[in-house]
């Protein structure tokens, strides 16, 4: 069967991949191809969420308006004419 041969070639190619960008693109394609699959957070992602929640609990956050003001002050050249 031709499709089995093509799948084998793709599997061999994926096994030989060293380029992380291509692997990331393939992972994105996989997620899009199976939208009903439940995504499991990695340990690093769980830790990042916990840090963010802790910051919110400690009221160490900014409103959108505050962030905009900070960015305009820090990078005024990006806001010329706006």
PDB file of N, CA and C in Angstrom:
ATOM      1  N   UNK A   1       0.838  -1.178   0.000  1.00  0.00           N
ATOM      2  CA  UNK A   1       0.000   0.000   0.000  1.00  0.00           C
ATOM      3  C   UNK A   1       0.884   1.242   0.000  1.00  0.00           C
ATOM      4  N   UNK A   2       0.615   2.190  -0.878  1.00  0.00           N
ATOM      5  CA  UNK A   2       1.435   3.386  -1.020  1.00  0.00           C
ATOM      6  C   UNK A   2       1.428   4.252   0.238  1.00  0.00           C
ATOM      7  N   UNK A   3       0.286   4.369   0.892  1.00  0.00           N
ATOM      8  CA  UNK A   3       0.202   5.222   2.072  1.00  0.00           C
ATOM      9  C   UNK A   3       1.095   4.700   3.203  1.00  0.00           C
ATOM     10  N   UNK A   4       1.182   3.399   3.350  1.00  0.00           N
ATOM     11  CA  UNK A   4       2.051   2.829   4.382  1.00  0.00           C
ATOM     12  C   UNK A   4       3.509   3.163   4.108  1.00  0.00           C
ATOM     13  N   UNK A   5       3.901   3.124   2.858  1.00  0.00           N
ATOM     14  CA  UNK A   5       5.264   3.465   2.471  1.00  0.00           C
ATOM     15  C   UNK A   5       5.550   4.938   2.771  1.00  0.00           C
ATOM     16  N   UNK A   6       4.594   5.802   2.455  1.00  0.00           N
ATOM     17  CA  UNK A   6       4.761   7.239   2.707  1.00  0.00           C
ATOM     18  C   UNK A   6       4.844   7.518   4.208  1.00  0.00           C
ATOM     19  N   UNK A   7       3.999   6.851   4.984  1.00  0.00           N
ATOM     20  CA  UNK A   7       4.036   7.028   6.440  1.00  0.00           C
ATOM     21  C   UNK A   7       5.375   6.562   7.006  1.00  0.00           C
ATOM     22  N   UNK A   8       5.895   5.476   6.506  1.00  0.00           N
ATOM     23  CA  UNK A   8       7.194   4.978   6.969  1.00  0.00           C
ATOM     24  C   UNK A   8       8.303   5.982   6.674  1.00  0.00           C
ATOM     25  N   UNK A   9       8.253   6.590   5.488  1.00  0.00           N
ATOM     26  CA  UNK A   9       9.255   7.603   5.132  1.00  0.00           C
ATOM     27  C   UNK A   9       9.175   8.806   6.066  1.00  0.00           C
ATOM     28  N   UNK A  10       7.954   9.223   6.366  1.00  0.00           N
ATOM     29  CA  UNK A  10       7.770  10.362   7.264  1.00  0.00           C
ATOM     30  C   UNK A  10       8.251  10.021   8.664  1.00  0.00           C
ATOM     31  N   UNK A  11       7.940   8.832   9.142  1.00  0.00           N
ATOM     32  CA  UNK A  11       8.375   8.400  10.472  1.00  0.00           C
ATOM     33  C   UNK A  11       9.897   8.365  10.542  1.00  0.00           C
ATOM     34  N   UNK A  12      10.528   7.828   9.517  1.00  0.00           N
ATOM     35  CA  UNK A  12      11.997   7.804   9.480  1.00  0.00           C
ATOM     36  C   UNK A  12      12.567   9.216   9.494  1.00  0.00           C
ATOM     37  N   UNK A  13      11.945  10.104   8.724  1.00  0.00           N
ATOM     38  CA  UNK A  13      12.401  11.497   8.683  1.00  0.00           C
ATOM     39  C   UNK A  13      12.262  12.162  10.052  1.00  0.00           C
ATOM     40  N   UNK A  14      11.134  11.944  10.716  1.00  0.00           N
ATOM     41  CA  UNK A  14      10.907  12.533  12.035  1.00  0.00           C
ATOM     42  C   UNK A  14      11.927  12.003  13.033  1.00  0.00           C
ATOM     43  N   UNK A  15      12.211  10.713  12.967  1.00  0.00           N
ATOM     44  CA  UNK A  15      13.198  10.125  13.879  1.00  0.00           C
ATOM     45  C   UNK A  15      14.577  10.763  13.722  1.00  0.00           C
ATOM     46  N   UNK A  16      14.903  11.206  12.522  1.00  0.00           N
ATOM     47  CA  UNK A  16      16.226  11.776  12.268  1.00  0.00           C
ATOM     48  C   UNK A  16      16.288  13.279  12.518  1.00  0.00           C
ATOM     49  N   UNK A  17      15.149  13.899  12.823  1.00  0.00           N
ATOM     50  CA  UNK A  17      15.116  15.357  13.005  1.00  0.00           C
ATOM     51  C   UNK A  17      15.958  15.813  14.188  1.00  0.00           C
ATOM     52  N   UNK A  18      16.674  16.896  13.979  1.00  0.00           N
ATOM     53  CA  UNK A  18      17.446  17.535  15.042  1.00  0.00           C
ATOM     54  C   UNK A  18      16.986  18.986  15.240  1.00  0.00           C
ATOM     55  N   UNK A  19      16.222  19.505  14.306  1.00  0.00           N
ATOM     56  CA  UNK A  19      15.794  20.898  14.313  1.00  0.00           C
ATOM     57  C   UNK A  19      14.590  21.069  15.242  1.00  0.00           C
ATOM     58  N   UNK A  20      14.795  21.780  16.368  1.00  0.00           N
ATOM     59  CA  UNK A  20      13.720  21.949  17.339  1.00  0.00           C
ATOM     60  C   UNK A  20      12.553  22.747  16.784  1.00  0.00           C
ATOM     61  N   UNK A  21      12.824  23.691  15.902  1.00  0.00           N
ATOM     62  CA  UNK A  21      11.755  24.496  15.317  1.00  0.00           C
ATOM     63  C   UNK A  21      10.815  23.624  14.501  1.00  0.00           C
ATOM     64  N   UNK A  22      11.361  22.733  13.719  1.00  0.00           N
ATOM     65  CA  UNK A  22      10.530  21.829  12.917  1.00  0.00           C
ATOM     66  C   UNK A  22       9.727  20.918  13.837  1.00  0.00           C
ATOM     67  N   UNK A  23      10.350  20.434  14.887  1.00  0.00           N
ATOM     68  CA  UNK A  23       9.646  19.572  15.842  1.00  0.00           C
ATOM     69  C   UNK A  23       8.498  20.334  16.498  1.00  0.00           C
ATOM     70  N   UNK A  24       8.743  21.596  16.873  1.00  0.00           N
ATOM     71  CA  UNK A  24       7.676  22.419  17.456  1.00  0.00           C
ATOM     72  C   UNK A  24       6.526  22.608  16.474  1.00  0.00           C
ATOM     73  N   UNK A  25       6.846  22.814  15.201  1.00  0.00           N
ATOM     74  CA  UNK A  25       5.798  22.944  14.190  1.00  0.00           C
ATOM     75  C   UNK A  25       5.000  21.647  14.056  1.00  0.00           C
ATOM     76  N   UNK A  26       5.684  20.535  14.115  1.00  0.00           N
ATOM     77  CA  UNK A  26       4.981  19.251  14.032  1.00  0.00           C
ATOM     78  C   UNK A  26       4.069  19.045  15.238  1.00  0.00           C
ATOM     79  N   UNK A  27       4.529  19.460  16.407  1.00  0.00           N
ATOM     80  CA  UNK A  27       3.697  19.348  17.608  1.00  0.00           C
ATOM     81  C   UNK A  27       2.447  20.217  17.475  1.00  0.00           C
ATOM     82  N   UNK A  28       2.595  21.409  16.908  1.00  0.00           N
ATOM     83  CA  UNK A  28       1.452  22.286  16.680  1.00  0.00           C
ATOM     84  C   UNK A  28       0.485  21.645  15.705  1.00  0.00           C
ATOM     85  N   UNK A  29       1.015  21.081  14.641  1.00  0.00           N
ATOM     86  CA  UNK A  29       0.177  20.380  13.665  1.00  0.00           C
ATOM     87  C   UNK A  29      -0.576  19.234  14.321  1.00  0.00           C
ATOM     88  N   UNK A  30       0.102  18.528  15.197  1.00  0.00           N
ATOM     89  CA  UNK A  30      -0.536  17.414  15.899  1.00  0.00           C
ATOM     90  C   UNK A  30      -1.697  17.917  16.761  1.00  0.00           C
ATOM     91  N   UNK A  31      -1.488  19.035  17.464  1.00  0.00           N
ATOM     92  CA  UNK A  31      -2.550  19.587  18.314  1.00  0.00           C
ATOM     93  C   UNK A  31      -3.749  20.016  17.480  1.00  0.00           C
ATOM     94  N   UNK A  32      -3.491  20.629  16.339  1.00  0.00           N
ATOM     95  CA  UNK A  32      -4.572  21.085  15.467  1.00  0.00           C
ATOM     96  C   UNK A  32      -5.313  19.895  14.869  1.00  0.00           C
ATOM     97  N   UNK A  33      -4.581  18.835  14.593  1.00  0.00           N
ATOM     98  CA  UNK A  33      -5.184  17.651  13.978  1.00  0.00           C
ATOM     99  C   UNK A  33      -6.068  16.867  14.939  1.00  0.00           C
ATOM    100  N   UNK A  34      -5.805  17.010  16.222  1.00  0.00           N
ATOM    101  CA  UNK A  34      -6.572  16.290  17.241  1.00  0.00           C
ATOM    102  C   UNK A  34      -7.067  17.271  18.297  1.00  0.00           C
ATOM    103  N   UNK A  35      -8.021  18.157  17.925  1.00  0.00           N
ATOM    104  CA  UNK A  35      -8.444  19.221  18.844  1.00  0.00           C
ATOM    105  C   UNK A  35      -9.166  18.731  20.088  1.00  0.00           C
ATOM    106  N   UNK A  36      -9.722  17.540  20.077  1.00  0.00           N
ATOM    107  CA  UNK A  36     -10.458  17.039  21.230  1.00  0.00           C
ATOM    108  C   UNK A  36      -9.559  16.329  22.237  1.00  0.00           C
ATOM    109  N   UNK A  37      -8.293  16.178  21.889  1.00  0.00           N
ATOM    110  CA  UNK A  37      -7.352  15.529  22.791  1.00  0.00           C
ATOM    111  C   UNK A  37      -7.056  16.462  23.961  1.00  0.00           C
ATOM    112  N   UNK A  38      -7.086  15.963  25.160  1.00  0.00           N
ATOM    113  CA  UNK A  38      -6.836  16.774  26.355  1.00  0.00           C
ATOM    114  C   UNK A  38      -5.351  17.062  26.460  1.00  0.00           C
ATOM    115  N   UNK A  39      -5.036  18.366  26.618  1.00  0.00           N
ATOM    116  CA  UNK A  39      -3.642  18.781  26.725  1.00  0.00           C
ATOM    117  C   UNK A  39      -3.200  18.656  28.174  1.00  0.00           C
ATOM    118  N   UNK A  40      -2.056  18.049  28.380  1.00  0.00           N
ATOM    119  CA  UNK A  40      -1.485  17.906  29.711  1.00  0.00           C
ATOM    120  C   UNK A  40      -0.367  18.928  29.882  1.00  0.00           C
ATOM    121  N   UNK A  41      -0.472  19.751  30.912  1.00  0.00           N
ATOM    122  CA  UNK A  41       0.576  20.731  31.184  1.00  0.00           C
ATOM    123  C   UNK A  41       1.852  20.029  31.616  1.00  0.00           C
ATOM    124  N   UNK A  42       2.966  20.555  31.141  1.00  0.00           N
ATOM    125  CA  UNK A  42       4.253  20.036  31.606  1.00  0.00           C
ATOM    126  C   UNK A  42       4.502  20.578  33.015  1.00  0.00           C
ATOM    127  N   UNK A  43       5.494  20.038  33.689  1.00  0.00           N
ATOM    128  CA  UNK A  43       5.819  20.509  35.040  1.00  0.00           C
ATOM    129  C   UNK A  43       6.221  21.980  34.998  1.00  0.00           C
ATOM    130  N   UNK A  44       6.985  22.383  33.996  1.00  0.00           N
ATOM    131  CA  UNK A  44       7.413  23.780  33.869  1.00  0.00           C
ATOM    132  C   UNK A  44       6.202  24.696  33.656  1.00  0.00           C
ATOM    133  N   UNK A  45       5.235  24.238  32.859  1.00  0.00           N
ATOM    134  CA  UNK A  45       4.031  25.036  32.629  1.00  0.00           C
ATOM    135  C   UNK A  45       3.209  25.164  33.911  1.00  0.00           C
ATOM    136  N   UNK A  46       3.095  24.077  34.666  1.00  0.00           N
ATOM    137  CA  UNK A  46       2.375  24.116  35.942  1.00  0.00           C
ATOM    138  C   UNK A  46       3.039  25.093  36.906  1.00  0.00           C
ATOM    139  N   UNK A  47       4.369  25.068  36.965  1.00  0.00           N
ATOM    140  CA  UNK A  47       5.101  25.975  37.843  1.00  0.00           C
ATOM    141  C   UNK A  47       4.899  27.425  37.415  1.00  0.00           C
ATOM    142  N   UNK A  48       4.886  27.690  36.107  1.00  0.00           N
ATOM    143  CA  UNK A  48       4.675  29.048  35.604  1.00  0.00           C
ATOM    144  C   UNK A  48       3.277  29.550  35.972  1.00  0.00           C
ATOM    145  N   UNK A  49       2.278  28.685  35.856  1.00  0.00           N
ATOM    146  CA  UNK A  49       0.917  29.055  36.238  1.00  0.00           C
ATOM    147  C   UNK A  49       0.861  29.359  37.729  1.00  0.00           C
ATOM    148  N   UNK A  50       1.492  28.525  38.533  1.00  0.00           N
ATOM    149  CA  UNK A  50       1.514  28.747  39.983  1.00  0.00           C
ATOM    150  C   UNK A  50       2.173  30.076  40.344  1.00  0.00           C
ATOM    151  N   UNK A  51       3.267  30.411  39.659  1.00  0.00           N
ATOM    152  CA  UNK A  51       3.951  31.689  39.904  1.00  0.00           C
ATOM    153  C   UNK A  51       3.020  32.844  39.546  1.00  0.00           C
ATOM    154  N   UNK A  52       2.332  32.731  38.422  1.00  0.00           N
ATOM    155  CA  UNK A  52       1.397  33.773  38.016  1.00  0.00           C
ATOM    156  C   UNK A  52       0.250  33.940  38.998  1.00  0.00           C
ATOM    157  N   UNK A  53      -0.311  32.833  39.469  1.00  0.00           N
ATOM    158  CA  UNK A  53      -1.399  32.899  40.440  1.00  0.00           C
ATOM    159  C   UNK A  53      -0.931  33.500  41.758  1.00  0.00           C
ATOM    160  N   UNK A  54       0.278  33.144  42.171  1.00  0.00           N
ATOM    161  CA  UNK A  54       0.834  33.703  43.409  1.00  0.00           C
ATOM    162  C   UNK A  54       1.016  35.217  43.270  1.00  0.00           C
ATOM    163  N   UNK A  55       1.495  35.659  42.110  1.00  0.00           N
ATOM    164  CA  UNK A  55       1.656  37.094  41.863  1.00  0.00           C
ATOM    165  C   UNK A  55       0.313  37.814  41.963  1.00  0.00           C
ATOM    166  N   UNK A  56      -0.731  37.204  41.409  1.00  0.00           N
ATOM    167  CA  UNK A  56      -2.058  37.805  41.498  1.00  0.00           C
ATOM    168  C   UNK A  56      -2.534  37.869  42.945  1.00  0.00           C
ATOM    169  N   UNK A  57      -2.333  36.791  43.700  1.00  0.00           N
ATOM    170  CA  UNK A  57      -2.730  36.763  45.105  1.00  0.00           C
ATOM    171  C   UNK A  57      -2.022  37.841  45.909  1.00  0.00           C
ATOM    172  N   UNK A  58      -0.770  38.103  45.559  1.00  0.00           N
ATOM    173  CA  UNK A  58       0.040  39.104  46.262  1.00  0.00           C
ATOM    174  C   UNK A  58      -0.140  40.494  45.664  1.00  0.00           C
ATOM    175  N   UNK A  59      -1.108  40.616  44.753  1.00  0.00           N
ATOM    176  CA  UNK A  59      -1.424  41.875  44.081  1.00  0.00           C
ATOM    177  C   UNK A  59      -0.211  42.473  43.381  1.00  0.00           C
ATOM    178  N   UNK A  60       0.626  41.603  42.813  1.00  0.00           N
ATOM    179  CA  UNK A  60       1.777  42.043  42.019  1.00  0.00           C
ATOM    180  C   UNK A  60       1.428  41.869  40.541  1.00  0.00           C
ATOM    181  N   UNK A  61       0.506  42.702  40.083  1.00  0.00           N
ATOM    182  CA  UNK A  61       0.080  42.633  38.698  1.00  0.00           C
ATOM    183  C   UNK A  61      -0.222  44.043  38.211  1.00  0.00           C
ATOM    184  N   UNK A  62      -0.422  44.185  36.905  1.00  0.00           N
ATOM    185  CA  UNK A  62      -0.698  45.465  36.281  1.00  0.00           C
ATOM    186  C   UNK A  62      -1.954  45.362  35.446  1.00  0.00           C
ATOM    187  N   UNK A  63      -2.653  46.474  35.351  1.00  0.00           N
ATOM    188  CA  UNK A  63      -3.781  46.525  34.420  1.00  0.00           C
ATOM    189  C   UNK A  63      -3.231  46.707  33.014  1.00  0.00           C
ATOM    190  N   UNK A  64      -4.079  46.506  32.032  1.00  0.00           N
ATOM    191  CA  UNK A  64      -3.669  46.704  30.647  1.00  0.00           C
ATOM    192  C   UNK A  64      -3.222  48.153  30.428  1.00  0.00           C
ATOM    193  N   UNK A  65      -3.945  49.083  31.020  1.00  0.00           N
ATOM    194  CA  UNK A  65      -3.604  50.505  30.885  1.00  0.00           C
ATOM    195  C   UNK A  65      -2.231  50.803  31.499  1.00  0.00           C
ATOM    196  N   UNK A  66      -1.944  50.213  32.659  1.00  0.00           N
ATOM    197  CA  UNK A  66      -0.636  50.415  33.291  1.00  0.00           C
ATOM    198  C   UNK A  66       0.492  49.863  32.426  1.00  0.00           C
ATOM    199  N   UNK A  67       0.277  48.697  31.850  1.00  0.00           N
ATOM    200  CA  UNK A  67       1.289  48.112  30.972  1.00  0.00           C
ATOM    201  C   UNK A  67       1.518  49.012  29.764  1.00  0.00           C
ATOM    202  N   UNK A  68       0.433  49.520  29.185  1.00  0.00           N
ATOM    203  CA  UNK A  68       0.564  50.421  28.037  1.00  0.00           C
ATOM    204  C   UNK A  68       1.364  51.663  28.405  1.00  0.00           C
ATOM    205  N   UNK A  69       1.090  52.250  29.556  1.00  0.00           N
ATOM    206  CA  UNK A  69       1.829  53.437  30.003  1.00  0.00           C
ATOM    207  C   UNK A  69       3.309  53.127  30.198  1.00  0.00           C
ATOM    208  N   UNK A  70       3.607  52.003  30.803  1.00  0.00           N
ATOM    209  CA  UNK A  70       4.999  51.592  31.028  1.00  0.00           C
ATOM    210  C   UNK A  70       5.715  51.410  29.697  1.00  0.00           C
ATOM    211  N   UNK A  71       5.055  50.739  28.758  1.00  0.00           N
ATOM    212  CA  UNK A  71       5.673  50.489  27.454  1.00  0.00           C
ATOM    213  C   UNK A  71       5.866  51.783  26.664  1.00  0.00           C
ATOM    214  N   UNK A  72       4.901  52.694  26.727  1.00  0.00           N
ATOM    215  CA  UNK A  72       5.042  53.981  26.031  1.00  0.00           C
ATOM    216  C   UNK A  72       6.220  54.771  26.606  1.00  0.00           C
ATOM    217  N   UNK A  73       6.395  54.714  27.923  1.00  0.00           N
ATOM    218  CA  UNK A  73       7.505  55.439  28.548  1.00  0.00           C
ATOM    219  C   UNK A  73       8.848  54.793  28.201  1.00  0.00           C
ATOM    220  N   UNK A  74       8.876  53.483  28.148  1.00  0.00           N
ATOM    221  CA  UNK A  74      10.131  52.774  27.897  1.00  0.00           C
ATOM    222  C   UNK A  74      10.508  52.770  26.416  1.00  0.00           C
ATOM    223  N   UNK A  75       9.517  52.696  25.533  1.00  0.00           N
ATOM    224  CA  UNK A  75       9.772  52.600  24.091  1.00  0.00           C
ATOM    225  C   UNK A  75       8.968  53.655  23.327  1.00  0.00           C
ATOM    226  N   UNK A  76       9.233  54.937  23.578  1.00  0.00           N
ATOM    227  CA  UNK A  76       8.428  55.986  22.927  1.00  0.00           C
ATOM    228  C   UNK A  76       8.541  55.962  21.400  1.00  0.00           C
ATOM    229  N   UNK A  77       9.664  55.478  20.873  1.00  0.00           N
ATOM    230  CA  UNK A  77       9.846  55.447  19.424  1.00  0.00           C
ATOM    231  C   UNK A  77       8.847  54.512  18.738  1.00  0.00           C
ATOM    232  N   UNK A  78       8.305  53.577  19.465  1.00  0.00           N
ATOM    233  CA  UNK A  78       7.344  52.642  18.881  1.00  0.00           C
ATOM    234  C   UNK A  78       5.927  53.225  18.831  1.00  0.00           C
ATOM    235  N   UNK A  79       5.727  54.350  19.516  1.00  0.00           N
ATOM    236  CA  UNK A  79       4.393  54.928  19.615  1.00  0.00           C
ATOM    237  C   UNK A  79       4.278  56.287  18.936  1.00  0.00           C
ATOM    238  N   UNK A  80       5.256  56.625  18.105  1.00  0.00           N
ATOM    239  CA  UNK A  80       5.208  57.905  17.399  1.00  0.00           C
ATOM    240  C   UNK A  80       3.992  57.940  16.496  1.00  0.00           C
ATOM    241  N   UNK A  81       3.278  59.053  16.551  1.00  0.00           N
ATOM    242  CA  UNK A  81       2.117  59.229  15.683  1.00  0.00           C
ATOM    243  C   UNK A  81       0.880  58.497  16.154  1.00  0.00           C
ATOM    244  N   UNK A  82       0.909  57.951  17.330  1.00  0.00           N
ATOM    245  CA  UNK A  82      -0.279  57.223  17.840  1.00  0.00           C
ATOM    246  C   UNK A  82      -0.899  57.982  18.970  1.00  0.00           C
TER     247      UNK A  82
END
